[in-house]
Amino acid sequence: MRSQIIKLIKSTVYSIIPPPYLPGSFSQAGEDAVLYFLFKDKKINKITYLDIGTNIPDTDNNTYLFYFHGSRGVCVEADRTLIPAIKKLRSEDKVLNVGVSISELQEGDFYIFNSKVLNTFDKEEAQKRVASGKYRITEVYKVPLLNINCIIKDNFIKFPDLLSIDIEGLDLDVLKTLDYEQFPIPVICVETCKYSETHIRPKDHFIAEFLSTMGYEIYADTYINTIFINKKWFYKIS
Protein backbone atom coordinates (compact mmCIF):
# COMPACT_ATOMS: atom_id res chain seq x y z
CA MET A 1 0.00 0.00 0.00
CA ARG A 2 2.82 2.35 0.96
CA SER A 3 4.60 1.77 -2.38
CA GLN A 4 1.39 2.50 -4.27
CA ILE A 5 0.99 5.81 -2.42
CA ILE A 6 4.61 6.78 -3.16
CA LYS A 7 4.11 5.87 -6.82
CA LEU A 8 0.99 8.05 -6.98
CA ILE A 9 2.77 10.99 -5.34
CA LYS A 10 5.71 10.69 -7.74
CA SER A 11 3.50 10.53 -10.82
CA THR A 12 1.63 13.63 -9.65
CA VAL A 13 4.76 15.63 -8.83
CA TYR A 14 6.54 14.59 -12.03
CA SER A 15 3.58 15.70 -14.13
CA ILE A 16 4.00 19.20 -12.65
CA ILE A 17 7.77 19.45 -12.15
CA PRO A 18 9.67 16.96 -14.32
CA PRO A 19 12.98 15.84 -12.70
CA PRO A 20 16.21 15.99 -14.71
CA TYR A 21 16.06 12.34 -15.75
CA LEU A 22 12.39 12.52 -16.75
CA PRO A 23 12.08 15.79 -18.65
CA GLY A 24 8.54 15.42 -19.95
CA SER A 25 7.67 17.06 -23.25
CA PHE A 26 6.05 20.17 -24.65
CA SER A 27 6.86 19.29 -28.27
CA GLN A 28 4.51 17.90 -30.88
CA ALA A 29 6.10 14.44 -30.94
CA GLY A 30 8.63 14.43 -28.09
CA GLU A 31 11.39 16.25 -29.93
CA ASP A 32 12.36 18.29 -26.87
CA ALA A 33 12.84 15.15 -24.77
CA VAL A 34 15.25 13.81 -27.40
CA LEU A 35 17.05 17.16 -27.52
CA TYR A 36 17.20 17.27 -23.73
CA PHE A 37 18.83 13.84 -23.67
CA LEU A 38 21.26 14.83 -26.42
CA PHE A 39 22.57 17.87 -24.56
CA LYS A 40 22.65 16.03 -21.23
CA ASP A 41 24.66 13.28 -22.91
CA LYS A 42 27.09 15.97 -24.07
CA LYS A 43 27.19 17.24 -20.45
CA ILE A 44 25.56 20.55 -21.32
CA ASN A 45 23.04 21.39 -18.61
CA LYS A 46 21.90 24.78 -19.86
CA ILE A 47 21.80 25.79 -23.48
CA THR A 48 21.06 28.84 -25.58
CA TYR A 49 18.47 28.52 -28.34
CA LEU A 50 17.02 30.37 -31.28
CA ASP A 51 13.36 29.45 -31.72
CA ILE A 52 12.12 30.62 -35.12
CA GLY A 53 8.36 30.27 -35.36
CA THR A 54 7.69 30.04 -31.64
CA ASN A 55 3.90 30.21 -32.05
CA ILE A 56 2.16 29.11 -28.83
CA PRO A 57 5.10 29.29 -26.38
CA ASP A 58 4.40 26.17 -24.32
CA THR A 59 2.45 23.91 -26.68
CA ASP A 60 3.96 21.92 -29.57
CA ASN A 61 7.12 23.89 -28.86
CA ASN A 62 10.66 22.53 -28.96
CA THR A 63 12.37 24.99 -26.59
CA TYR A 64 9.95 25.53 -23.70
CA LEU A 65 11.26 22.46 -21.85
CA PHE A 66 14.71 24.05 -21.85
CA TYR A 67 13.29 27.37 -20.62
CA PHE A 68 11.46 25.42 -17.89
CA HIS A 69 14.81 24.02 -16.74
CA GLY A 70 16.63 27.35 -16.76
CA SER A 71 17.98 27.74 -20.29
CA ARG A 72 17.40 31.01 -22.14
CA GLY A 73 17.31 32.17 -25.73
CA VAL A 74 15.55 34.15 -28.43
CA CYS A 75 11.99 33.57 -29.63
CA VAL A 76 11.09 34.80 -33.11
CA GLU A 77 7.39 35.04 -33.90
CA ALA A 78 5.73 37.01 -36.70
CA ASP A 79 2.15 36.82 -35.35
CA ARG A 80 1.70 39.94 -33.23
CA THR A 81 -1.26 38.43 -31.37
CA LEU A 82 0.98 35.71 -29.91
CA ILE A 83 3.67 38.06 -28.58
CA PRO A 84 1.95 38.91 -25.24
CA ALA A 85 1.60 35.22 -24.35
CA ILE A 86 5.23 34.50 -25.26
CA LYS A 87 6.49 37.42 -23.18
CA LYS A 88 4.31 36.39 -20.25
CA LEU A 89 5.30 32.72 -20.20
CA ARG A 90 8.92 33.31 -21.22
CA SER A 91 9.73 36.65 -19.62
CA GLU A 92 13.47 35.93 -19.50
CA ASP A 93 13.71 35.09 -23.20
CA LYS A 94 14.23 37.80 -25.78
CA VAL A 95 11.16 38.00 -28.01
CA LEU A 96 11.30 39.38 -31.55
CA ASN A 97 8.06 40.15 -33.40
CA VAL A 98 9.55 39.73 -36.87
CA GLY A 99 9.80 37.27 -39.73
CA VAL A 100 13.03 35.83 -41.13
CA SER A 101 14.03 37.07 -44.56
CA ILE A 102 15.15 34.95 -47.50
CA SER A 103 15.86 37.94 -49.77
CA GLU A 104 16.69 41.62 -49.57
CA LEU A 105 13.08 42.54 -48.71
CA GLN A 106 12.68 44.31 -45.37
CA GLU A 107 9.05 43.32 -44.85
CA GLY A 108 6.70 40.63 -46.11
CA ASP A 109 3.03 39.68 -46.30
CA PHE A 110 2.07 37.42 -43.40
CA TYR A 111 -0.97 35.19 -43.89
CA ILE A 112 -3.02 34.62 -40.74
CA PHE A 113 -5.28 31.55 -40.63
CA ASN A 114 -8.17 30.55 -38.42
CA SER A 115 -5.69 27.99 -37.06
CA LYS A 116 -2.58 29.86 -35.88
CA VAL A 117 -0.23 26.92 -36.40
CA LEU A 118 -0.70 27.42 -40.15
CA ASN A 119 0.35 31.09 -40.33
CA THR A 120 2.95 31.62 -43.04
CA PHE A 121 4.82 34.08 -45.25
CA ASP A 122 4.66 31.58 -48.10
CA LYS A 123 1.84 32.67 -50.44
CA GLU A 124 1.84 29.39 -52.35
CA GLU A 125 1.65 27.40 -49.10
CA ALA A 126 -1.20 29.62 -47.89
CA GLN A 127 -3.14 29.04 -51.10
CA LYS A 128 -2.76 25.26 -50.76
CA ARG A 129 -4.29 25.34 -47.32
CA VAL A 130 -7.18 27.53 -48.39
CA ALA A 131 -7.82 25.19 -51.34
CA SER A 132 -8.31 22.30 -48.92
CA GLY A 133 -11.55 23.97 -47.84
CA LYS A 134 -10.79 23.33 -44.17
CA TYR A 135 -8.99 26.56 -43.36
CA ARG A 136 -9.38 30.21 -44.26
CA ILE A 137 -7.18 33.29 -44.17
CA THR A 138 -8.49 35.76 -41.62
CA GLU A 139 -5.96 38.53 -42.18
CA VAL A 140 -2.90 39.52 -44.19
CA TYR A 141 -0.53 42.19 -42.95
CA LYS A 142 3.05 43.38 -43.39
CA VAL A 143 5.68 42.16 -40.93
CA PRO A 144 9.31 43.36 -40.65
CA LEU A 145 11.91 40.84 -41.84
CA LEU A 146 15.39 40.18 -40.45
CA ASN A 147 18.12 37.96 -41.83
CA ILE A 148 18.90 34.95 -39.63
CA ASN A 149 22.59 35.85 -39.52
CA CYS A 150 21.76 39.33 -38.24
CA ILE A 151 19.49 37.86 -35.57
CA ILE A 152 22.28 35.59 -34.35
CA LYS A 153 24.95 38.27 -34.52
CA ASP A 154 22.84 40.79 -32.59
CA ASN A 155 21.53 38.45 -29.88
CA PHE A 156 24.17 35.80 -29.11
CA ILE A 157 27.77 36.00 -27.92
CA LYS A 158 28.74 33.46 -30.59
CA PHE A 159 25.76 31.44 -31.79
CA PRO A 160 22.97 29.37 -30.17
CA ASP A 161 23.45 25.77 -29.15
CA LEU A 162 20.10 24.89 -30.68
CA LEU A 163 18.18 26.22 -33.66
CA SER A 164 14.53 25.18 -33.76
CA ILE A 165 12.74 26.26 -36.90
CA ASP A 166 9.14 25.74 -37.97
CA ILE A 167 7.89 28.40 -40.39
CA GLU A 168 5.43 26.58 -42.60
CA GLY A 169 7.03 26.08 -45.99
CA LEU A 170 10.07 28.36 -45.80
CA ASP A 171 12.30 26.31 -43.51
CA LEU A 172 14.73 25.21 -46.23
CA ASP A 173 14.90 28.69 -47.74
CA VAL A 174 15.92 30.17 -44.40
CA LEU A 175 18.42 27.38 -43.70
CA LYS A 176 20.08 28.15 -47.03
CA THR A 177 20.73 31.74 -45.91
CA LEU A 178 22.51 30.74 -42.69
CA ASP A 179 26.27 31.35 -42.60
CA TYR A 180 27.44 27.93 -41.38
CA GLU A 181 31.10 28.90 -41.34
CA GLN A 182 30.49 31.83 -39.00
CA PHE A 183 27.68 30.18 -37.05
CA PRO A 184 28.27 26.39 -36.85
CA ILE A 185 25.21 25.75 -34.68
CA PRO A 186 25.60 22.37 -32.91
CA VAL A 187 21.99 21.16 -33.20
CA ILE A 188 19.17 22.04 -35.61
CA CYS A 189 15.60 20.82 -35.21
CA VAL A 190 13.42 21.50 -38.25
CA GLU A 191 10.04 20.45 -39.57
CA THR A 192 10.68 18.02 -42.41
CA CYS A 193 7.19 16.93 -43.38
CA LYS A 194 5.04 18.75 -45.86
CA TYR A 195 1.50 19.98 -45.27
CA SER A 196 -1.19 17.33 -45.68
CA GLU A 197 -4.86 16.95 -44.79
CA THR A 198 -4.28 13.32 -43.83
CA HIS A 199 -2.01 11.58 -41.34
CA ILE A 200 0.24 10.75 -44.29
CA ARG A 201 2.62 13.67 -44.65
CA PRO A 202 5.20 13.60 -47.45
CA LYS A 203 8.74 14.09 -46.17
CA ASP A 204 10.86 16.97 -47.44
CA HIS A 205 14.14 15.16 -48.11
CA PHE A 206 15.72 18.29 -49.58
CA ILE A 207 16.35 19.65 -46.07
CA ALA A 208 18.39 16.60 -45.04
CA GLU A 209 20.23 16.60 -48.35
CA PHE A 210 21.14 20.26 -47.99
CA LEU A 211 22.22 20.06 -44.34
CA SER A 212 24.41 17.06 -45.13
CA THR A 213 26.41 19.32 -47.44
CA MET A 214 26.85 21.73 -44.52
CA GLY A 215 28.34 19.07 -42.25
CA TYR A 216 25.23 17.81 -40.47
CA GLU A 217 23.75 14.36 -40.06
CA ILE A 218 20.47 13.06 -38.70
CA TYR A 219 20.47 12.31 -34.96
CA ALA A 220 16.76 11.53 -34.63
CA ASP A 221 13.54 11.80 -36.59
CA THR A 222 9.93 11.91 -35.38
CA TYR A 223 8.66 12.01 -38.96
CA ILE A 224 7.21 15.47 -38.29
CA ASN A 225 10.56 16.96 -37.29
CA THR A 226 14.17 15.95 -37.78
CA ILE A 227 17.02 16.66 -35.38
CA PHE A 228 20.37 17.30 -37.07
CA ILE A 229 23.77 17.40 -35.37
CA ASN A 230 26.86 19.24 -36.48
CA LYS A 231 29.30 16.35 -36.94
CA LYS A 232 32.37 18.37 -35.89
CA TRP A 233 30.63 19.27 -32.62
CA PHE A 234 29.08 15.88 -31.93
CA TYR A 235 32.13 13.74 -32.60
CA LYS A 236 34.63 16.09 -31.03
CA ILE A 237 36.48 14.41 -28.17
CA SER A 238 36.60 16.75 -25.18
Foldseek 3Di string as FASTA:
>chain_A
DVVVVVVVVVVVVCVVPNDLVGLDDQAPQCLLVVVSVLCVVVVHQEWEEEEAACAQVRHNGNCVSRVSSPHEYEYEAQDPVRVVNCCVSRVVYHYHNAHADLDPDFKAKWWDKPDRLQIARDPVQQVVVVVVVPIDTPDIDIGTHHQPQVVQVVTDPQGTLEYEHEHAPCVQSNVVRDDCVRHVHFKYKYFFFHDDPDPDTHGNCVSQVVVVVSQWHFPDDPNGMTMIGRCCVSPDDD
